[in-house]
PDB file of N, CA and C in Angstrom:
ATOM      1  N   MET A   1      -0.927 -42.218 113.427  1.00  0.00           N
ATOM      2  CA  MET A   1      -2.108 -41.381 113.307  1.00  0.00           C
ATOM      3  C   MET A   1      -2.636 -41.502 111.878  1.00  0.00           C
ATOM      4  N   THR A   2      -3.945 -41.641 111.773  1.00  0.00           N
ATOM      5  CA  THR A   2      -4.587 -41.738 110.469  1.00  0.00           C
ATOM      6  C   THR A   2      -5.845 -40.885 110.460  1.00  0.00           C
ATOM      7  N   ALA A   3      -6.259 -40.473 109.278  1.00  0.00           N
ATOM      8  CA  ALA A   3      -7.500 -39.707 109.123  1.00  0.00           C
ATOM      9  C   ALA A   3      -8.267 -40.285 107.951  1.00  0.00           C
ATOM     10  N   LYS A   4      -9.574 -40.432 108.127  1.00  0.00           N
ATOM     11  CA  LYS A   4     -10.430 -40.988 107.088  1.00  0.00           C
ATOM     12  C   LYS A   4     -11.646 -40.099 106.878  1.00  0.00           C
ATOM     13  N   ARG A   5     -12.078 -39.994 105.623  1.00  0.00           N
ATOM     14  CA  ARG A   5     -13.327 -39.314 105.256  1.00  0.00           C
ATOM     15  C   ARG A   5     -14.356 -40.394 104.989  1.00  0.00           C
ATOM     16  N   LEU A   6     -15.529 -40.240 105.574  1.00  0.00           N
ATOM     17  CA  LEU A   6     -16.579 -41.233 105.467  1.00  0.00           C
ATOM     18  C   LEU A   6     -17.820 -40.598 104.864  1.00  0.00           C
ATOM     19  N   LEU A   7     -18.414 -41.264 103.892  1.00  0.00           N
ATOM     20  CA  LEU A   7     -19.697 -40.861 103.332  1.00  0.00           C
ATOM     21  C   LEU A   7     -20.662 -42.006 103.616  1.00  0.00           C
ATOM     22  N   ILE A   8     -21.647 -41.742 104.466  1.00  0.00           N
ATOM     23  CA  ILE A   8     -22.541 -42.784 104.957  1.00  0.00           C
ATOM     24  C   ILE A   8     -23.883 -42.663 104.247  1.00  0.00           C
ATOM     25  N   ARG A   9     -24.351 -43.787 103.670  1.00  0.00           N
ATOM     26  CA  ARG A   9     -25.611 -43.842 102.941  1.00  0.00           C
ATOM     27  C   ARG A   9     -26.626 -44.672 103.707  1.00  0.00           C
ATOM     28  N   GLY A  10     -27.896 -44.359 103.510  1.00  0.00           N
ATOM     29  CA  GLY A  10     -28.978 -45.113 104.128  1.00  0.00           C
ATOM     30  C   GLY A  10     -29.974 -44.166 104.772  1.00  0.00           C
ATOM     31  N   ILE A  11     -30.637 -44.652 105.793  1.00  0.00           N
ATOM     32  CA  ILE A  11     -31.527 -43.792 106.585  1.00  0.00           C
ATOM     33  C   ILE A  11     -30.665 -43.249 107.718  1.00  0.00           C
ATOM     34  N   VAL A  12     -30.023 -42.111 107.445  1.00  0.00           N
ATOM     35  CA  VAL A  12     -29.021 -41.587 108.370  1.00  0.00           C
ATOM     36  C   VAL A  12     -29.274 -40.134 108.762  1.00  0.00           C
ATOM     37  N   GLN A  13     -30.377 -39.559 108.284  1.00  0.00           N
ATOM     38  CA  GLN A  13     -30.737 -38.210 108.701  1.00  0.00           C
ATOM     39  C   GLN A  13     -32.081 -38.266 109.414  1.00  0.00           C
ATOM     40  N   GLY A  14     -32.207 -37.485 110.467  1.00  0.00           N
ATOM     41  CA  GLY A  14     -33.446 -37.450 111.232  1.00  0.00           C
ATOM     42  C   GLY A  14     -33.599 -38.601 112.205  1.00  0.00           C
ATOM     43  N   VAL A  15     -32.502 -39.333 112.440  1.00  0.00           N
ATOM     44  CA  VAL A  15     -32.555 -40.502 113.331  1.00  0.00           C
ATOM     45  C   VAL A  15     -31.504 -40.420 114.448  1.00  0.00           C
ATOM     46  N   GLY A  16     -30.862 -39.260 114.604  1.00  0.00           N
ATOM     47  CA  GLY A  16     -29.839 -39.094 115.641  1.00  0.00           C
ATOM     48  C   GLY A  16     -28.469 -39.629 115.252  1.00  0.00           C
ATOM     49  N   PHE A  17     -28.223 -39.789 113.950  1.00  0.00           N
ATOM     50  CA  PHE A  17     -26.956 -40.378 113.504  1.00  0.00           C
ATOM     51  C   PHE A  17     -25.749 -39.520 113.873  1.00  0.00           C
ATOM     52  N   ARG A  18     -25.859 -38.208 113.696  1.00  0.00           N
ATOM     53  CA  ARG A  18     -24.710 -37.347 114.012  1.00  0.00           C
ATOM     54  C   ARG A  18     -24.361 -37.412 115.490  1.00  0.00           C
ATOM     55  N   TYR A  19     -25.367 -37.462 116.343  1.00  0.00           N
ATOM     56  CA  TYR A  19     -25.119 -37.547 117.788  1.00  0.00           C
ATOM     57  C   TYR A  19     -24.534 -38.905 118.158  1.00  0.00           C
ATOM     58  N   PHE A  20     -25.005 -39.958 117.491  1.00  0.00           N
ATOM     59  CA  PHE A  20     -24.446 -41.293 117.665  1.00  0.00           C
ATOM     60  C   PHE A  20     -22.959 -41.287 117.297  1.00  0.00           C
ATOM     61  N   ALA A  21     -22.645 -40.682 116.131  1.00  0.00           N
ATOM     62  CA  ALA A  21     -21.256 -40.616 115.661  1.00  0.00           C
ATOM     63  C   ALA A  21     -20.389 -39.807 116.618  1.00  0.00           C
ATOM     64  N   GLU A  22     -20.918 -38.700 117.099  1.00  0.00           N
ATOM     65  CA  GLU A  22     -20.153 -37.856 118.032  1.00  0.00           C
ATOM     66  C   GLU A  22     -19.808 -38.634 119.300  1.00  0.00           C
ATOM     67  N   ARG A  23     -20.780 -39.326 119.871  1.00  0.00           N
ATOM     68  CA  ARG A  23     -20.519 -40.109 121.093  1.00  0.00           C
ATOM     69  C   ARG A  23     -19.501 -41.216 120.834  1.00  0.00           C
ATOM     70  N   ALA A  24     -19.656 -41.920 119.706  1.00  0.00           N
ATOM     71  CA  ALA A  24     -18.739 -43.014 119.381  1.00  0.00           C
ATOM     72  C   ALA A  24     -17.312 -42.492 119.190  1.00  0.00           C
ATOM     73  N   ALA A  25     -17.166 -41.371 118.505  1.00  0.00           N
ATOM     74  CA  ALA A  25     -15.838 -40.807 118.254  1.00  0.00           C
ATOM     75  C   ALA A  25     -15.188 -40.318 119.537  1.00  0.00           C
ATOM     76  N   ARG A  26     -15.952 -39.639 120.353  1.00  0.00           N
ATOM     77  CA  ARG A  26     -15.392 -39.140 121.613  1.00  0.00           C
ATOM     78  C   ARG A  26     -14.999 -40.286 122.534  1.00  0.00           C
ATOM     79  N   HIS A  27     -15.784 -41.366 122.510  1.00  0.00           N
ATOM     80  CA  HIS A  27     -15.461 -42.552 123.310  1.00  0.00           C
ATOM     81  C   HIS A  27     -14.109 -43.134 122.890  1.00  0.00           C
ATOM     82  N   ARG A  28     -13.784 -43.029 121.612  1.00  0.00           N
ATOM     83  CA  ARG A  28     -12.517 -43.554 121.086  1.00  0.00           C
ATOM     84  C   ARG A  28     -11.393 -42.528 121.134  1.00  0.00           C
ATOM     85  N   GLY A  29     -11.682 -41.296 121.565  1.00  0.00           N
ATOM     86  CA  GLY A  29     -10.657 -40.257 121.636  1.00  0.00           C
ATOM     87  C   GLY A  29     -10.272 -39.692 120.281  1.00  0.00           C
ATOM     88  N   LEU A  30     -11.192 -39.720 119.325  1.00  0.00           N
ATOM     89  CA  LEU A  30     -10.898 -39.232 117.977  1.00  0.00           C
ATOM     90  C   LEU A  30     -11.166 -37.740 117.852  1.00  0.00           C
ATOM     91  N   ARG A  31     -10.500 -37.139 116.884  1.00  0.00           N
ATOM     92  CA  ARG A  31     -10.762 -35.753 116.498  1.00  0.00           C
ATOM     93  C   ARG A  31     -11.501 -35.777 115.176  1.00  0.00           C
ATOM     94  N   GLY A  32     -12.254 -34.721 114.889  1.00  0.00           N
ATOM     95  CA  GLY A  32     -12.900 -34.628 113.596  1.00  0.00           C
ATOM     96  C   GLY A  32     -14.264 -33.997 113.672  1.00  0.00           C
ATOM     97  N   TRP A  33     -15.107 -34.351 112.719  1.00  0.00           N
ATOM     98  CA  TRP A  33     -16.438 -33.748 112.651  1.00  0.00           C
ATOM     99  C   TRP A  33     -17.382 -34.638 111.854  1.00  0.00           C
ATOM    100  N   VAL A  34     -18.689 -34.325 111.983  1.00  0.00           N
ATOM    101  CA  VAL A  34     -19.741 -35.026 111.252  1.00  0.00           C
ATOM    102  C   VAL A  34     -20.795 -34.001 110.853  1.00  0.00           C
ATOM    103  N   ARG A  35     -21.398 -34.183 109.663  1.00  0.00           N
ATOM    104  CA  ARG A  35     -22.445 -33.261 109.221  1.00  0.00           C
ATOM    105  C   ARG A  35     -23.378 -33.956 108.232  1.00  0.00           C
ATOM    106  N   ASN A  36     -24.602 -33.444 108.141  1.00  0.00           N
ATOM    107  CA  ASN A  36     -25.556 -33.901 107.140  1.00  0.00           C
ATOM    108  C   ASN A  36     -25.211 -33.260 105.802  1.00  0.00           C
ATOM    109  N   LEU A  37     -25.454 -33.990 104.730  1.00  0.00           N
ATOM    110  CA  LEU A  37     -25.315 -33.459 103.378  1.00  0.00           C
ATOM    111  C   LEU A  37     -26.694 -33.271 102.768  1.00  0.00           C
ATOM    112  N   ALA A  38     -26.792 -32.367 101.822  1.00  0.00           N
ATOM    113  CA  ALA A  38     -28.077 -32.054 101.187  1.00  0.00           C
ATOM    114  C   ALA A  38     -28.681 -33.249 100.450  1.00  0.00           C
ATOM    115  N   ASP A  39     -27.856 -34.209 100.044  1.00  0.00           N
ATOM    116  CA  ASP A  39     -28.360 -35.358  99.276  1.00  0.00           C
ATOM    117  C   ASP A  39     -28.840 -36.511 100.156  1.00  0.00           C
ATOM    118  N   GLY A  40     -28.893 -36.304 101.481  1.00  0.00           N
ATOM    119  CA  GLY A  40     -29.391 -37.327 102.393  1.00  0.00           C
ATOM    120  C   GLY A  40     -28.321 -38.177 103.041  1.00  0.00           C
ATOM    121  N   ARG A  41     -27.076 -38.043 102.605  1.00  0.00           N
ATOM    122  CA  ARG A  41     -25.983 -38.777 103.238  1.00  0.00           C
ATOM    123  C   ARG A  41     -25.469 -37.997 104.438  1.00  0.00           C
ATOM    124  N   VAL A  42     -24.607 -38.654 105.215  1.00  0.00           N
ATOM    125  CA  VAL A  42     -23.875 -38.009 106.298  1.00  0.00           C
ATOM    126  C   VAL A  42     -22.394 -38.126 105.960  1.00  0.00           C
ATOM    127  N   GLU A  43     -21.662 -37.039 106.173  1.00  0.00           N
ATOM    128  CA  GLU A  43     -20.219 -37.008 105.937  1.00  0.00           C
ATOM    129  C   GLU A  43     -19.516 -36.854 107.271  1.00  0.00           C
ATOM    130  N   ALA A  44     -18.408 -37.573 107.438  1.00  0.00           N
ATOM    131  CA  ALA A  44     -17.602 -37.441 108.650  1.00  0.00           C
ATOM    132  C   ALA A  44     -16.129 -37.519 108.288  1.00  0.00           C
ATOM    133  N   VAL A  45     -15.316 -36.848 109.075  1.00  0.00           N
ATOM    134  CA  VAL A  45     -13.868 -36.989 109.012  1.00  0.00           C
ATOM    135  C   VAL A  45     -13.423 -37.330 110.419  1.00  0.00           C
ATOM    136  N   ALA A  46     -12.663 -38.415 110.550  1.00  0.00           N
ATOM    137  CA  ALA A  46     -12.198 -38.864 111.863  1.00  0.00           C
ATOM    138  C   ALA A  46     -10.702 -39.105 111.819  1.00  0.00           C
ATOM    139  N   ALA A  47     -10.010 -38.632 112.848  1.00  0.00           N
ATOM    140  CA  ALA A  47      -8.562 -38.789 112.927  1.00  0.00           C
ATOM    141  C   ALA A  47      -8.180 -39.321 114.295  1.00  0.00           C
ATOM    142  N   GLY A  48      -7.219 -40.218 114.297  1.00  0.00           N
ATOM    143  CA  GLY A  48      -6.721 -40.796 115.542  1.00  0.00           C
ATOM    144  C   GLY A  48      -5.878 -42.013 115.235  1.00  0.00           C
ATOM    145  N   GLU A  49      -5.673 -42.850 116.240  1.00  0.00           N
ATOM    146  CA  GLU A  49      -4.929 -44.088 116.040  1.00  0.00           C
ATOM    147  C   GLU A  49      -5.707 -44.974 115.069  1.00  0.00           C
ATOM    148  N   ALA A  50      -4.990 -45.671 114.200  1.00  0.00           N
ATOM    149  CA  ALA A  50      -5.624 -46.460 113.140  1.00  0.00           C
ATOM    150  C   ALA A  50      -6.640 -47.462 113.697  1.00  0.00           C
ATOM    151  N   ASP A  51      -6.313 -48.135 114.785  1.00  0.00           N
ATOM    152  CA  ASP A  51      -7.251 -49.108 115.365  1.00  0.00           C
ATOM    153  C   ASP A  51      -8.520 -48.438 115.855  1.00  0.00           C
ATOM    154  N   ASP A  52      -8.387 -47.270 116.471  1.00  0.00           N
ATOM    155  CA  ASP A  52      -9.562 -46.550 116.972  1.00  0.00           C
ATOM    156  C   ASP A  52     -10.451 -46.069 115.831  1.00  0.00           C
ATOM    157  N   VAL A  53      -9.845 -45.606 114.745  1.00  0.00           N
ATOM    158  CA  VAL A  53     -10.624 -45.171 113.586  1.00  0.00           C
ATOM    159  C   VAL A  53     -11.360 -46.362 112.974  1.00  0.00           C
ATOM    160  N   ALA A  54     -10.691 -47.512 112.887  1.00  0.00           N
ATOM    161  CA  ALA A  54     -11.322 -48.707 112.324  1.00  0.00           C
ATOM    162  C   ALA A  54     -12.518 -49.147 113.174  1.00  0.00           C
ATOM    163  N   ILE A  55     -12.379 -49.096 114.492  1.00  0.00           N
ATOM    164  CA  ILE A  55     -13.489 -49.465 115.376  1.00  0.00           C
ATOM    165  C   ILE A  55     -14.625 -48.450 115.241  1.00  0.00           C
ATOM    166  N   PHE A  56     -14.294 -47.176 115.116  1.00  0.00           N
ATOM    167  CA  PHE A  56     -15.296 -46.132 114.911  1.00  0.00           C
ATOM    168  C   PHE A  56     -16.099 -46.399 113.639  1.00  0.00           C
ATOM    169  N   ILE A  57     -15.415 -46.770 112.555  1.00  0.00           N
ATOM    170  CA  ILE A  57     -16.104 -47.071 111.301  1.00  0.00           C
ATOM    171  C   ILE A  57     -17.043 -48.264 111.500  1.00  0.00           C
ATOM    172  N   ALA A  58     -16.591 -49.268 112.223  1.00  0.00           N
ATOM    173  CA  ALA A  58     -17.451 -50.421 112.512  1.00  0.00           C
ATOM    174  C   ALA A  58     -18.663 -49.998 113.337  1.00  0.00           C
ATOM    175  N   ASP A  59     -18.467 -49.096 114.300  1.00  0.00           N
ATOM    176  CA  ASP A  59     -19.587 -48.566 115.094  1.00  0.00           C
ATOM    177  C   ASP A  59     -20.599 -47.885 114.172  1.00  0.00           C
ATOM    178  N   LEU A  60     -20.103 -47.085 113.225  1.00  0.00           N
ATOM    179  CA  LEU A  60     -20.997 -46.361 112.329  1.00  0.00           C
ATOM    180  C   LEU A  60     -21.767 -47.300 111.416  1.00  0.00           C
ATOM    181  N   ARG A  61     -21.177 -48.422 111.058  1.00  0.00           N
ATOM    182  CA  ARG A  61     -21.890 -49.396 110.220  1.00  0.00           C
ATOM    183  C   ARG A  61     -23.140 -49.914 110.935  1.00  0.00           C
ATOM    184  N   GLN A  62     -23.094 -49.960 112.265  1.00  0.00           N
ATOM    185  CA  GLN A  62     -24.261 -50.369 113.048  1.00  0.00           C
ATOM    186  C   GLN A  62     -25.260 -49.220 113.148  1.00  0.00           C
ATOM    187  N   GLY A  63     -24.773 -48.028 113.411  1.00  0.00           N
ATOM    188  CA  GLY A  63     -25.616 -46.844 113.508  1.00  0.00           C
ATOM    189  C   GLY A  63     -26.592 -46.900 114.668  1.00  0.00           C
ATOM    190  N   PRO A  64     -27.388 -45.836 114.831  1.00  0.00           N
ATOM    191  CA  PRO A  64     -28.395 -45.808 115.894  1.00  0.00           C
ATOM    192  C   PRO A  64     -29.565 -46.734 115.544  1.00  0.00           C
ATOM    193  N   ALA A  65     -30.306 -47.137 116.548  1.00  0.00           N
ATOM    194  CA  ALA A  65     -31.407 -48.094 116.354  1.00  0.00           C
ATOM    195  C   ALA A  65     -32.447 -47.601 115.355  1.00  0.00           C
ATOM    196  N   ALA A  66     -32.701 -46.294 115.314  1.00  0.00           N
ATOM    197  CA  ALA A  66     -33.744 -45.753 114.438  1.00  0.00           C
ATOM    198  C   ALA A  66     -33.290 -45.623 112.985  1.00  0.00           C
ATOM    199  N   GLY A  67     -32.000 -45.803 112.723  1.00  0.00           N
ATOM    200  CA  GLY A  67     -31.484 -45.619 111.374  1.00  0.00           C
ATOM    201  C   GLY A  67     -31.170 -46.929 110.682  1.00  0.00           C
ATOM    202  N   ARG A  68     -30.652 -46.798 109.466  1.00  0.00           N
ATOM    203  CA  ARG A  68     -30.193 -47.962 108.710  1.00  0.00           C
ATOM    204  C   ARG A  68     -29.030 -47.504 107.833  1.00  0.00           C
ATOM    205  N   VAL A  69     -27.899 -48.165 107.958  1.00  0.00           N
ATOM    206  CA  VAL A  69     -26.726 -47.837 107.155  1.00  0.00           C
ATOM    207  C   VAL A  69     -26.648 -48.828 105.996  1.00  0.00           C
ATOM    208  N   ASP A  70     -26.736 -48.303 104.776  1.00  0.00           N
ATOM    209  CA  ASP A  70     -26.649 -49.142 103.581  1.00  0.00           C
ATOM    210  C   ASP A  70     -25.209 -49.286 103.095  1.00  0.00           C
ATOM    211  N   GLY A  71     -24.348 -48.360 103.463  1.00  0.00           N
ATOM    212  CA  GLY A  71     -22.951 -48.440 103.051  1.00  0.00           C
ATOM    213  C   GLY A  71     -22.170 -47.226 103.494  1.00  0.00           C
ATOM    214  N   ILE A  72     -20.863 -47.406 103.564  1.00  0.00           N
ATOM    215  CA  ILE A  72     -19.953 -46.313 103.922  1.00  0.00           C
ATOM    216  C   ILE A  72     -18.807 -46.308 102.925  1.00  0.00           C
ATOM    217  N   ASP A  73     -18.622 -45.188 102.249  1.00  0.00           N
ATOM    218  CA  ASP A  73     -17.467 -44.999 101.375  1.00  0.00           C
ATOM    219  C   ASP A  73     -16.365 -44.374 102.218  1.00  0.00           C
ATOM    220  N   VAL A  74     -15.205 -45.013 102.225  1.00  0.00           N
ATOM    221  CA  VAL A  74     -14.088 -44.573 103.065  1.00  0.00           C
ATOM    222  C   VAL A  74     -12.925 -44.160 102.174  1.00  0.00           C
ATOM    223  N   SER A  75     -12.345 -42.991 102.454  1.00  0.00           N
ATOM    224  CA  SER A  75     -11.149 -42.537 101.742  1.00  0.00           C
ATOM    225  C   SER A  75     -10.215 -41.850 102.722  1.00  0.00           C
ATOM    226  N   ASP A  76      -8.958 -41.738 102.338  1.00  0.00           N
ATOM    227  CA  ASP A  76      -7.995 -41.037 103.170  1.00  0.00           C
ATOM    228  C   ASP A  76      -8.345 -39.556 103.217  1.00  0.00           C
ATOM    229  N   ALA A  77      -7.987 -38.917 104.321  1.00  0.00           N
ATOM    230  CA  ALA A  77      -8.313 -37.505 104.507  1.00  0.00           C
ATOM    231  C   ALA A  77      -7.201 -36.817 105.278  1.00  0.00           C
ATOM    232  N   THR A  78      -7.301 -35.501 105.329  1.00  0.00           N
ATOM    233  CA  THR A  78      -6.461 -34.704 106.223  1.00  0.00           C
ATOM    234  C   THR A  78      -7.407 -33.905 107.105  1.00  0.00           C
ATOM    235  N   LEU A  79      -6.965 -33.614 108.285  1.00  0.00           N
ATOM    236  CA  LEU A  79      -7.788 -32.870 109.230  1.00  0.00           C
ATOM    237  C   LEU A  79      -7.004 -31.649 109.674  1.00  0.00           C
ATOM    238  N   GLU A  80      -7.688 -30.503 109.707  1.00  0.00           N
ATOM    239  CA  GLU A  80      -7.035 -29.275 110.136  1.00  0.00           C
ATOM    240  C   GLU A  80      -6.494 -29.458 111.557  1.00  0.00           C
ATOM    241  N   GLU A  81      -5.312 -28.959 111.808  1.00  0.00           N
ATOM    242  CA  GLU A  81      -4.704 -29.067 113.133  1.00  0.00           C
ATOM    243  C   GLU A  81      -5.513 -28.338 114.199  1.00  0.00           C
ATOM    244  N   THR A  82      -6.336 -27.388 113.769  1.00  0.00           N
ATOM    245  CA  THR A  82      -7.117 -26.612 114.730  1.00  0.00           C
ATOM    246  C   THR A  82      -8.280 -27.410 115.317  1.00  0.00           C
ATOM    247  N   VAL A  83      -8.609 -28.554 114.706  1.00  0.00           N
ATOM    248  CA  VAL A  83      -9.688 -29.394 115.225  1.00  0.00           C
ATOM    249  C   VAL A  83      -9.110 -30.241 116.356  1.00  0.00           C
ATOM    250  N   THR A  84      -9.559 -29.980 117.571  1.00  0.00           N
ATOM    251  CA  THR A  84      -8.970 -30.640 118.738  1.00  0.00           C
ATOM    252  C   THR A  84      -9.881 -31.676 119.375  1.00  0.00           C
ATOM    253  N   ARG A  85     -11.130 -31.781 118.884  1.00  0.00           N
ATOM    254  CA  ARG A  85     -12.067 -32.771 119.412  1.00  0.00           C
ATOM    255  C   ARG A  85     -12.993 -33.180 118.282  1.00  0.00           C
ATOM    256  N   PHE A  86     -13.981 -34.011 118.563  1.00  0.00           N
ATOM    257  CA  PHE A  86     -14.948 -34.406 117.541  1.00  0.00           C
ATOM    258  C   PHE A  86     -16.205 -33.575 117.753  1.00  0.00           C
ATOM    259  N   GLU A  87     -16.721 -32.999 116.651  1.00  0.00           N
ATOM    260  CA  GLU A  87     -17.848 -32.081 116.766  1.00  0.00           C
ATOM    261  C   GLU A  87     -18.875 -32.308 115.663  1.00  0.00           C
ATOM    262  N   ILE A  88     -20.074 -31.853 115.915  1.00  0.00           N
ATOM    263  CA  ILE A  88     -21.131 -31.853 114.911  1.00  0.00           C
ATOM    264  C   ILE A  88     -21.083 -30.508 114.197  1.00  0.00           C
ATOM    265  N   ARG A  89     -21.059 -30.559 112.872  1.00  0.00           N
ATOM    266  CA  ARG A  89     -21.071 -29.330 112.084  1.00  0.00           C
ATOM    267  C   ARG A  89     -22.431 -29.186 111.416  1.00  0.00           C
ATOM    268  N   HIS A  90     -22.840 -27.941 111.236  1.00  0.00           N
ATOM    269  CA  HIS A  90     -24.136 -27.661 110.613  1.00  0.00           C
ATOM    270  C   HIS A  90     -23.952 -26.954 109.301  1.00  0.00           C
TER     271      HIS A  90
END
């Protein structure tokens, strides 16, 4: 089991990015969350099997058709045990 914190840069707000991330994470069976940041980036924390998290990150690099991902900063993270699915946070 691994957990990663992702900071996604580009045109990632107002284009359905959080919903894209939620669908991709749930498809992979990951736990965690995604939210918009005030500076225009999107932040996500994803936890699950290492291969599934890696594929999820690759999915996010593509992003939704209306958006553009310029880069993703990835770091190790911890996820609260109370998080049992992947959700959008506001």
